[in-house]
C-alpha atoms as a PDB file:
ATOM      1  CA  UNK A   1      -1.617 -17.676   3.085  1.00  0.00           C
ATOM      2  CA  UNK A   2      -3.260 -14.404   2.087  1.00  0.00           C
ATOM      3  CA  UNK A   3      -3.194 -13.058  -1.449  1.00  0.00           C
ATOM      4  CA  UNK A   4      -3.638  -9.319  -2.012  1.00  0.00           C
ATOM      5  CA  UNK A   5      -4.377  -7.722  -5.373  1.00  0.00           C
ATOM      6  CA  UNK A   6      -4.284  -3.948  -5.739  1.00  0.00           C
ATOM      7  CA  UNK A   7      -5.905  -1.960  -8.533  1.00  0.00           C
ATOM      8  CA  UNK A   8      -6.914   1.570  -9.400  1.00  0.00           C
ATOM      9  CA  UNK A   9      -3.536   3.156 -10.028  1.00  0.00           C
ATOM     10  CA  UNK A  10      -3.354   5.514 -12.974  1.00  0.00           C
ATOM     11  CA  UNK A  11      -1.886   8.705 -14.361  1.00  0.00           C
ATOM     12  CA  UNK A  12      -3.614  11.730 -12.881  1.00  0.00           C
ATOM     13  CA  UNK A  13      -2.984  15.451 -12.990  1.00  0.00           C
ATOM     14  CA  UNK A  14      -1.981  17.375  -9.860  1.00  0.00           C
ATOM     15  CA  UNK A  15      -5.101  18.123  -7.866  1.00  0.00           C
ATOM     16  CA  UNK A  16      -6.862  15.073  -9.236  1.00  0.00           C
ATOM     17  CA  UNK A  17      -8.360  12.076  -7.450  1.00  0.00           C
ATOM     18  CA  UNK A  18      -8.010   8.320  -7.544  1.00  0.00           C
ATOM     19  CA  UNK A  19      -9.502   5.422  -5.631  1.00  0.00           C
ATOM     20  CA  UNK A  20      -7.320   2.402  -5.020  1.00  0.00           C
ATOM     21  CA  UNK A  21      -8.715  -1.016  -4.165  1.00  0.00           C
ATOM     22  CA  UNK A  22      -7.132  -4.071  -2.590  1.00  0.00           C
ATOM     23  CA  UNK A  23      -8.916  -7.413  -2.680  1.00  0.00           C
ATOM     24  CA  UNK A  24      -7.824 -10.131  -0.261  1.00  0.00           C
ATOM     25  CA  UNK A  25      -8.271 -13.858  -0.535  1.00  0.00           C
ATOM     26  CA  UNK A  26      -7.101 -16.931   1.333  1.00  0.00           C
ATOM     27  CA  UNK A  27      -7.614 -15.722   4.881  1.00  0.00           C
ATOM     28  CA  UNK A  28     -10.195 -14.417   7.344  1.00  0.00           C
ATOM     29  CA  UNK A  29     -10.230 -10.857   6.111  1.00  0.00           C
ATOM     30  CA  UNK A  30     -12.177  -9.356   9.003  1.00  0.00           C
ATOM     31  CA  UNK A  31      -9.397 -10.319  11.428  1.00  0.00           C
ATOM     32  CA  UNK A  32      -6.658  -8.442   9.606  1.00  0.00           C
ATOM     33  CA  UNK A  33      -5.401  -4.941  10.180  1.00  0.00           C
ATOM     34  CA  UNK A  34      -4.982  -3.566   6.665  1.00  0.00           C
ATOM     35  CA  UNK A  35      -2.676  -0.824   5.451  1.00  0.00           C
ATOM     36  CA  UNK A  36      -1.621   1.118   2.398  1.00  0.00           C
ATOM     37  CA  UNK A  37       2.034   1.886   1.795  1.00  0.00           C
ATOM     38  CA  UNK A  38       3.710   4.072  -0.821  1.00  0.00           C
ATOM     39  CA  UNK A  39       7.148   3.722  -2.346  1.00  0.00           C
ATOM     40  CA  UNK A  40       8.420   6.531  -4.515  1.00  0.00           C
ATOM     41  CA  UNK A  41      11.405   6.247  -6.862  1.00  0.00           C
ATOM     42  CA  UNK A  42      14.559   5.811  -4.811  1.00  0.00           C
ATOM     43  CA  UNK A  43      12.590   6.048  -1.565  1.00  0.00           C
ATOM     44  CA  UNK A  44      11.824   3.740   1.324  1.00  0.00           C
ATOM     45  CA  UNK A  45       8.400   2.179   1.486  1.00  0.00           C
ATOM     46  CA  UNK A  46       6.301   4.168   3.953  1.00  0.00           C
ATOM     47  CA  UNK A  47       2.890   3.758   5.465  1.00  0.00           C
ATOM     48  CA  UNK A  48       0.148   6.058   4.223  1.00  0.00           C
ATOM     49  CA  UNK A  49      -2.921   4.753   6.018  1.00  0.00           C
ATOM     50  CA  UNK A  50      -4.060   1.868   8.208  1.00  0.00           C
ATOM     51  CA  UNK A  51      -7.457   0.532   9.173  1.00  0.00           C
ATOM     52  CA  UNK A  52      -7.957  -1.784  12.110  1.00  0.00           C
ATOM     53  CA  UNK A  53     -10.228  -4.798  12.060  1.00  0.00           C
ATOM     54  CA  UNK A  54     -12.897  -2.763  13.872  1.00  0.00           C
ATOM     55  CA  UNK A  55     -12.699  -0.106  11.142  1.00  0.00           C
ATOM     56  CA  UNK A  56     -10.703   2.537  12.997  1.00  0.00           C
ATOM     57  CA  UNK A  57      -8.599   4.506  10.493  1.00  0.00           C
ATOM     58  CA  UNK A  58      -5.150   6.006  10.940  1.00  0.00           C
ATOM     59  CA  UNK A  59      -3.663   8.396   8.403  1.00  0.00           C
ATOM     60  CA  UNK A  60      -0.205   9.889   8.312  1.00  0.00           C
ATOM     61  CA  UNK A  61      -0.319  13.682   8.858  1.00  0.00           C
ATOM     62  CA  UNK A  62       0.663  14.553   5.291  1.00  0.00           C
ATOM     63  CA  UNK A  63      -2.523  12.997   3.874  1.00  0.00           C
ATOM     64  CA  UNK A  64      -5.045  13.844   6.576  1.00  0.00           C
ATOM     65  CA  UNK A  65      -8.010  15.660   5.082  1.00  0.00           C
ATOM     66  CA  UNK A  66      -7.180  14.450   1.571  1.00  0.00           C
ATOM     67  CA  UNK A  67      -7.035  10.647   1.774  1.00  0.00           C
ATOM     68  CA  UNK A  68      -9.585   8.272   3.228  1.00  0.00           C
ATOM     69  CA  UNK A  69      -9.139   4.592   4.005  1.00  0.00           C
ATOM     70  CA  UNK A  70     -12.106   2.264   4.313  1.00  0.00           C
ATOM     71  CA  UNK A  71     -12.899  -1.431   4.302  1.00  0.00           C
ATOM     72  CA  UNK A  72     -15.758  -3.639   3.180  1.00  0.00           C
ATOM     73  CA  UNK A  73     -15.515  -6.947   4.994  1.00  0.00           C
ATOM     74  CA  UNK A  74     -18.316  -8.420   2.868  1.00  0.00           C
ATOM     75  CA  UNK A  75     -16.146  -7.889  -0.215  1.00  0.00           C
ATOM     76  CA  UNK A  76     -12.764  -8.616   1.419  1.00  0.00           C
ATOM     77  CA  UNK A  77     -11.646  -5.240   0.131  1.00  0.00           C
ATOM     78  CA  UNK A  78     -10.035  -2.080   1.368  1.00  0.00           C
ATOM     79  CA  UNK A  79     -10.020   1.241  -0.420  1.00  0.00           C
ATOM     80  CA  UNK A  80      -7.884   4.343  -0.456  1.00  0.00           C
ATOM     81  CA  UNK A  81      -9.642   7.429  -1.729  1.00  0.00           C
ATOM     82  CA  UNK A  82      -7.015   9.997  -2.674  1.00  0.00           C
ATOM     83  CA  UNK A  83      -8.054  13.578  -3.361  1.00  0.00           C
ATOM     84  CA  UNK A  84      -6.045  16.656  -4.300  1.00  0.00           C
ATOM     85  CA  UNK A  85      -3.077  14.531  -5.316  1.00  0.00           C
ATOM     86  CA  UNK A  86       0.396  16.063  -5.375  1.00  0.00           C
ATOM     87  CA  UNK A  87       3.451  14.891  -7.283  1.00  0.00           C
ATOM     88  CA  UNK A  88       5.039  13.990  -3.938  1.00  0.00           C
ATOM     89  CA  UNK A  89       2.394  11.322  -3.483  1.00  0.00           C
ATOM     90  CA  UNK A  90       3.120   9.444  -6.668  1.00  0.00           C
ATOM     91  CA  UNK A  91       4.704   6.025  -6.495  1.00  0.00           C
ATOM     92  CA  UNK A  92       3.905   2.364  -6.186  1.00  0.00           C
ATOM     93  CA  UNK A  93       1.100   1.785  -3.697  1.00  0.00           C
ATOM     94  CA  UNK A  94       1.082  -1.487  -1.804  1.00  0.00           C
ATOM     95  CA  UNK A  95      -1.566  -3.166   0.277  1.00  0.00           C
ATOM     96  CA  UNK A  96      -0.514  -4.969   3.460  1.00  0.00           C
ATOM     97  CA  UNK A  97      -2.349  -7.394   5.752  1.00  0.00           C
ATOM     98  CA  UNK A  98      -1.287  -7.881   9.362  1.00  0.00           C
ATOM     99  CA  UNK A  99      -2.429 -10.490  11.845  1.00  0.00           C
ATOM    100  CA  UNK A 100       0.803 -12.152  12.933  1.00  0.00           C
ATOM    101  CA  UNK A 101       4.301 -12.341  11.536  1.00  0.00           C
ATOM    102  CA  UNK A 102       4.957 -12.278   8.680  1.00  0.00           C
ATOM    103  CA  UNK A 103       2.670  -9.683   7.155  1.00  0.00           C
ATOM    104  CA  UNK A 104       1.363 -10.196   3.635  1.00  0.00           C
ATOM    105  CA  UNK A 105       1.938  -7.794   0.765  1.00  0.00           C
ATOM    106  CA  UNK A 106       0.400  -7.245  -2.622  1.00  0.00           C
ATOM    107  CA  UNK A 107       2.311  -6.519  -5.812  1.00  0.00           C
ATOM    108  CA  UNK A 108       1.438  -2.827  -5.892  1.00  0.00           C
ATOM    109  CA  UNK A 109      -0.382  -0.450  -8.201  1.00  0.00           C
ATOM    110  CA  UNK A 110       1.306   2.557  -9.820  1.00  0.00           C
ATOM    111  CA  UNK A 111       0.098   6.087  -9.166  1.00  0.00           C
ATOM    112  CA  UNK A 112       1.622   8.793 -11.321  1.00  0.00           C
ATOM    113  CA  UNK A 113       0.840  12.458 -10.729  1.00  0.00           C
ATOM    114  CA  UNK A 114       1.875  14.595 -13.653  1.00  0.00           C
ATOM    115  CA  UNK A 115       0.634  17.200 -16.103  1.00  0.00           C
END
């Protein structure tokens, strides 16, 4: 069983930046593909970024050039650096760990983009 705890969500103005963190425990972190998902109000949960166990990142087109995903296997942590935030990117951000079914999810951290 893997436990995931996200942090770093906050209220930020449009154009601002945030760094989210997700700390994993209870599993062999380096073996997991890790992802960040976003769920806006009334929306489906959707993937924002993924990082493979060898560190290869994948970003959805709408955040390329503005978001960066990274991992630190020594700290069992992944990060999502978010720059130039837009209101469309606000929502609850979840961390996900994949190795086999089922995947593991954290409880989420809230990102609000507003003046």
